[in-house]
Every structure is written in C-alpha cells, then in structure tokens.
Amino acid sequence: MAQQSFQARLGPPPMSADDAACRACSGQMRAHWQERPHARLMVVASTPVVEVFGGGVETRYLCLECGHTLMHSTGRFGQGWH
C-alpha cells in the first residue's frame, strides 16, 4: 500500500480571487459593537489599551473562510468592529 503525503498548511488561509470578504465577515463589519464574532473567526491577538478616560481591549481576528483580518475594540473611542 502506497503512503500518502500530507502537506501542512502554513500561514493564513488564501484570500479570495477578488479579495472580497465572505458574507459572514461583511455582516460582522456592520454588526453592533457588542455582537459576538462569527463562527469562522479565530483570535490572533488581544491587547489591553490604556486611554486617558478609560481603557479597553483590542482583539484581532482572522477569518478562516476568506482570510480577512477584523479588529474588535471595546475602548471608549472606536468601539466596534473594524
């Protein structure tokens, strides 16, 4: 029986041919700031942010479907999905 070779997939998923966000990411960018991330978003980094009038957390997500990177901010300035 011949052995199969398995290739490890390294790096982020490939972007679509036209660099368009998938339907879930497009909806996420328009979502309310308190909305939870969609199922195919993976946390890449989460950093506390210190601001003069209160802090927050900025979390970067990578979409496993289309390869887009989304940012979620909970700070006083710039709350929401970006």
N, C-alpha and C. Protein backbone atom coordinates (compact mmCIF):
# COMPACT_ATOMS: atom_id res chain seq x y z
N MET A 1 0.84 -1.17 0.00
CA MET A 1 0.00 0.00 0.00
C MET A 1 0.89 1.25 0.00
N ALA A 2 0.62 2.16 -0.91
CA ALA A 2 1.42 3.37 -1.03
C ALA A 2 1.07 4.34 0.09
N GLN A 3 2.10 5.02 0.59
CA GLN A 3 1.87 6.01 1.63
C GLN A 3 1.43 7.32 1.00
N GLN A 4 0.53 7.99 1.69
CA GLN A 4 0.07 9.29 1.22
C GLN A 4 0.91 10.37 1.89
N SER A 5 1.23 11.39 1.12
CA SER A 5 1.97 12.50 1.72
C SER A 5 0.97 13.59 2.11
N PHE A 6 1.13 14.08 3.31
CA PHE A 6 0.25 15.13 3.81
C PHE A 6 1.05 16.42 3.90
N GLN A 7 0.52 17.47 3.35
CA GLN A 7 1.19 18.76 3.42
C GLN A 7 0.55 19.58 4.52
N ALA A 8 1.39 20.17 5.35
CA ALA A 8 0.88 21.06 6.40
C ALA A 8 0.57 22.40 5.76
N ARG A 9 -0.59 22.92 6.09
CA ARG A 9 -0.98 24.23 5.56
C ARG A 9 -0.46 25.30 6.50
N LEU A 10 0.49 26.08 6.01
CA LEU A 10 1.10 27.12 6.82
C LEU A 10 0.56 28.49 6.44
N GLY A 11 0.49 29.38 7.42
CA GLY A 11 0.07 30.74 7.16
C GLY A 11 -1.44 30.88 7.14
N PRO A 12 -1.89 32.11 6.87
CA PRO A 12 -3.33 32.37 6.85
C PRO A 12 -3.99 31.73 5.64
N PRO A 13 -5.30 31.55 5.70
CA PRO A 13 -5.98 31.00 4.54
C PRO A 13 -5.86 31.96 3.35
N PRO A 14 -5.89 31.44 2.14
CA PRO A 14 -5.74 32.31 0.99
C PRO A 14 -6.93 33.25 0.85
N MET A 15 -6.66 34.48 0.39
CA MET A 15 -7.74 35.42 0.13
C MET A 15 -8.47 34.96 -1.12
N SER A 16 -9.71 35.39 -1.26
CA SER A 16 -10.46 35.05 -2.47
C SER A 16 -9.83 35.75 -3.66
N ALA A 17 -10.17 35.32 -4.86
CA ALA A 17 -9.56 35.85 -6.07
C ALA A 17 -9.76 37.36 -6.20
N ASP A 18 -10.91 37.87 -5.76
CA ASP A 18 -11.16 39.31 -5.88
C ASP A 18 -10.98 40.04 -4.54
N ASP A 19 -10.38 39.40 -3.57
CA ASP A 19 -10.13 39.96 -2.24
C ASP A 19 -11.40 40.41 -1.52
N ALA A 20 -12.52 39.82 -1.87
CA ALA A 20 -13.79 40.19 -1.24
C ALA A 20 -13.95 39.43 0.08
N ALA A 21 -14.52 40.10 1.05
CA ALA A 21 -14.82 39.45 2.33
C ALA A 21 -15.98 38.48 2.13
N CYS A 22 -15.97 37.40 2.89
CA CYS A 22 -17.09 36.46 2.82
C CYS A 22 -18.34 37.13 3.40
N ARG A 23 -19.48 36.51 3.20
CA ARG A 23 -20.75 37.07 3.66
C ARG A 23 -20.75 37.28 5.17
N ALA A 24 -20.18 36.34 5.92
CA ALA A 24 -20.15 36.45 7.38
C ALA A 24 -19.29 37.64 7.83
N CYS A 25 -18.14 37.87 7.19
CA CYS A 25 -17.27 39.00 7.55
C CYS A 25 -17.93 40.33 7.18
N SER A 26 -18.58 40.38 6.03
CA SER A 26 -19.27 41.60 5.64
C SER A 26 -20.34 41.96 6.66
N GLY A 27 -21.07 40.96 7.13
CA GLY A 27 -22.08 41.19 8.16
C GLY A 27 -21.46 41.57 9.49
N GLN A 28 -20.31 40.99 9.80
CA GLN A 28 -19.65 41.27 11.07
C GLN A 28 -19.19 42.72 11.12
N MET A 29 -18.71 43.25 10.00
CA MET A 29 -18.24 44.64 9.97
C MET A 29 -19.37 45.64 10.19
N ARG A 30 -20.61 45.22 9.90
CA ARG A 30 -21.77 46.10 10.12
C ARG A 30 -22.49 45.81 11.43
N ALA A 31 -22.00 44.83 12.17
CA ALA A 31 -22.66 44.40 13.41
C ALA A 31 -22.47 45.42 14.54
N HIS A 32 -23.38 45.36 15.50
CA HIS A 32 -23.28 46.18 16.71
C HIS A 32 -22.00 45.82 17.43
N TRP A 33 -21.39 46.77 18.15
CA TRP A 33 -20.10 46.54 18.79
C TRP A 33 -20.14 45.43 19.83
N GLN A 34 -21.31 45.14 20.40
CA GLN A 34 -21.41 44.08 21.40
C GLN A 34 -21.66 42.70 20.78
N GLU A 35 -21.82 42.64 19.49
CA GLU A 35 -22.09 41.37 18.80
C GLU A 35 -20.89 40.43 18.90
N ARG A 36 -21.17 39.16 19.11
CA ARG A 36 -20.10 38.16 19.19
C ARG A 36 -19.51 37.89 17.80
N PRO A 37 -18.25 37.45 17.73
CA PRO A 37 -17.65 37.14 16.42
C PRO A 37 -18.32 35.93 15.77
N HIS A 38 -18.33 35.93 14.43
CA HIS A 38 -18.94 34.79 13.74
C HIS A 38 -18.08 33.53 13.92
N ALA A 39 -18.64 32.40 13.61
CA ALA A 39 -18.05 31.10 13.94
C ALA A 39 -16.69 30.82 13.30
N ARG A 40 -16.38 31.43 12.16
CA ARG A 40 -15.13 31.14 11.46
C ARG A 40 -14.01 32.14 11.77
N LEU A 41 -14.22 33.00 12.79
CA LEU A 41 -13.17 33.95 13.19
C LEU A 41 -12.31 33.34 14.29
N MET A 42 -11.00 33.44 14.12
CA MET A 42 -10.04 32.92 15.09
C MET A 42 -9.27 34.09 15.69
N VAL A 43 -9.11 34.10 17.01
CA VAL A 43 -8.36 35.16 17.68
C VAL A 43 -6.89 35.05 17.32
N VAL A 44 -6.31 36.16 16.86
CA VAL A 44 -4.90 36.22 16.53
C VAL A 44 -4.13 36.92 17.64
N ALA A 45 -4.68 38.03 18.14
CA ALA A 45 -4.03 38.79 19.20
C ALA A 45 -5.07 39.57 19.98
N SER A 46 -4.81 39.75 21.26
CA SER A 46 -5.69 40.54 22.11
C SER A 46 -4.81 41.40 23.01
N THR A 47 -5.02 42.72 22.97
CA THR A 47 -4.15 43.65 23.67
C THR A 47 -4.98 44.63 24.49
N PRO A 48 -4.65 44.79 25.78
CA PRO A 48 -5.32 45.83 26.55
C PRO A 48 -4.84 47.20 26.09
N VAL A 49 -5.76 48.16 26.05
CA VAL A 49 -5.44 49.51 25.61
C VAL A 49 -5.69 50.46 26.78
N VAL A 50 -4.71 51.29 27.10
CA VAL A 50 -4.84 52.25 28.18
C VAL A 50 -5.11 53.62 27.56
N GLU A 51 -6.22 54.22 27.96
CA GLU A 51 -6.59 55.55 27.48
C GLU A 51 -6.76 56.48 28.67
N VAL A 52 -6.73 57.76 28.43
CA VAL A 52 -6.83 58.75 29.50
C VAL A 52 -8.13 58.60 30.28
N PHE A 53 -9.25 58.40 29.60
CA PHE A 53 -10.54 58.34 30.27
C PHE A 53 -11.11 56.93 30.33
N GLY A 54 -10.27 55.93 30.40
CA GLY A 54 -10.73 54.55 30.48
C GLY A 54 -10.10 53.72 29.39
N GLY A 55 -9.91 52.48 29.65
CA GLY A 55 -9.26 51.61 28.69
C GLY A 55 -10.22 50.65 28.05
N GLY A 56 -9.67 49.71 27.35
CA GLY A 56 -10.46 48.69 26.68
C GLY A 56 -9.54 47.60 26.19
N VAL A 57 -10.07 46.79 25.31
CA VAL A 57 -9.30 45.69 24.73
C VAL A 57 -9.48 45.73 23.22
N GLU A 58 -8.38 45.59 22.50
CA GLU A 58 -8.44 45.45 21.05
C GLU A 58 -8.07 44.02 20.71
N THR A 59 -8.95 43.34 20.00
CA THR A 59 -8.74 41.95 19.63
C THR A 59 -8.74 41.83 18.12
N ARG A 60 -7.71 41.18 17.59
CA ARG A 60 -7.59 40.96 16.15
C ARG A 60 -8.02 39.55 15.84
N TYR A 61 -8.86 39.40 14.82
CA TYR A 61 -9.38 38.10 14.40
C TYR A 61 -8.98 37.84 12.95
N LEU A 62 -8.79 36.56 12.62
CA LEU A 62 -8.52 36.13 11.25
C LEU A 62 -9.66 35.22 10.83
N CYS A 63 -10.25 35.49 9.67
CA CYS A 63 -11.34 34.65 9.17
C CYS A 63 -10.75 33.42 8.49
N LEU A 64 -11.18 32.26 8.93
CA LEU A 64 -10.69 31.01 8.36
C LEU A 64 -11.35 30.70 7.02
N GLU A 65 -12.38 31.45 6.68
CA GLU A 65 -13.10 31.24 5.43
C GLU A 65 -12.49 32.05 4.28
N CYS A 66 -12.29 33.37 4.51
CA CYS A 66 -11.85 34.24 3.41
C CYS A 66 -10.47 34.86 3.62
N GLY A 67 -9.91 34.76 4.84
CA GLY A 67 -8.59 35.29 5.10
C GLY A 67 -8.54 36.74 5.54
N HIS A 68 -9.70 37.40 5.68
CA HIS A 68 -9.72 38.79 6.12
C HIS A 68 -9.36 38.89 7.60
N THR A 69 -8.79 40.04 7.98
CA THR A 69 -8.49 40.32 9.37
C THR A 69 -9.46 41.38 9.86
N LEU A 70 -10.12 41.10 10.98
CA LEU A 70 -11.06 42.04 11.58
C LEU A 70 -10.54 42.44 12.96
N MET A 71 -10.84 43.65 13.36
CA MET A 71 -10.43 44.17 14.67
C MET A 71 -11.69 44.50 15.45
N HIS A 72 -11.70 44.11 16.72
CA HIS A 72 -12.81 44.46 17.62
C HIS A 72 -12.25 45.29 18.76
N SER A 73 -12.84 46.48 18.98
CA SER A 73 -12.38 47.38 20.02
C SER A 73 -13.48 47.57 21.06
N THR A 74 -13.09 47.53 22.33
CA THR A 74 -14.05 47.78 23.41
C THR A 74 -13.74 49.07 24.14
N GLY A 75 -12.74 49.80 23.70
CA GLY A 75 -12.35 51.05 24.34
C GLY A 75 -13.39 52.14 24.16
N ARG A 76 -13.19 53.21 24.87
CA ARG A 76 -14.12 54.34 24.84
C ARG A 76 -14.18 54.98 23.44
N PHE A 77 -13.05 55.05 22.76
CA PHE A 77 -13.00 55.64 21.42
C PHE A 77 -12.81 54.52 20.39
N GLY A 78 -13.65 54.50 19.39
CA GLY A 78 -13.52 53.50 18.34
C GLY A 78 -14.10 52.14 18.68
N GLN A 79 -15.14 52.12 19.51
CA GLN A 79 -15.78 50.85 19.86
C GLN A 79 -16.35 50.21 18.60
N GLY A 80 -16.27 48.90 18.54
CA GLY A 80 -16.94 48.18 17.46
C GLY A 80 -16.01 47.31 16.64
N TRP A 81 -16.57 46.88 15.51
CA TRP A 81 -15.86 46.01 14.56
C TRP A 81 -15.27 46.87 13.47
N HIS A 82 -14.01 46.65 13.17
CA HIS A 82 -13.31 47.41 12.12
C HIS A 82 -12.64 46.44 11.17
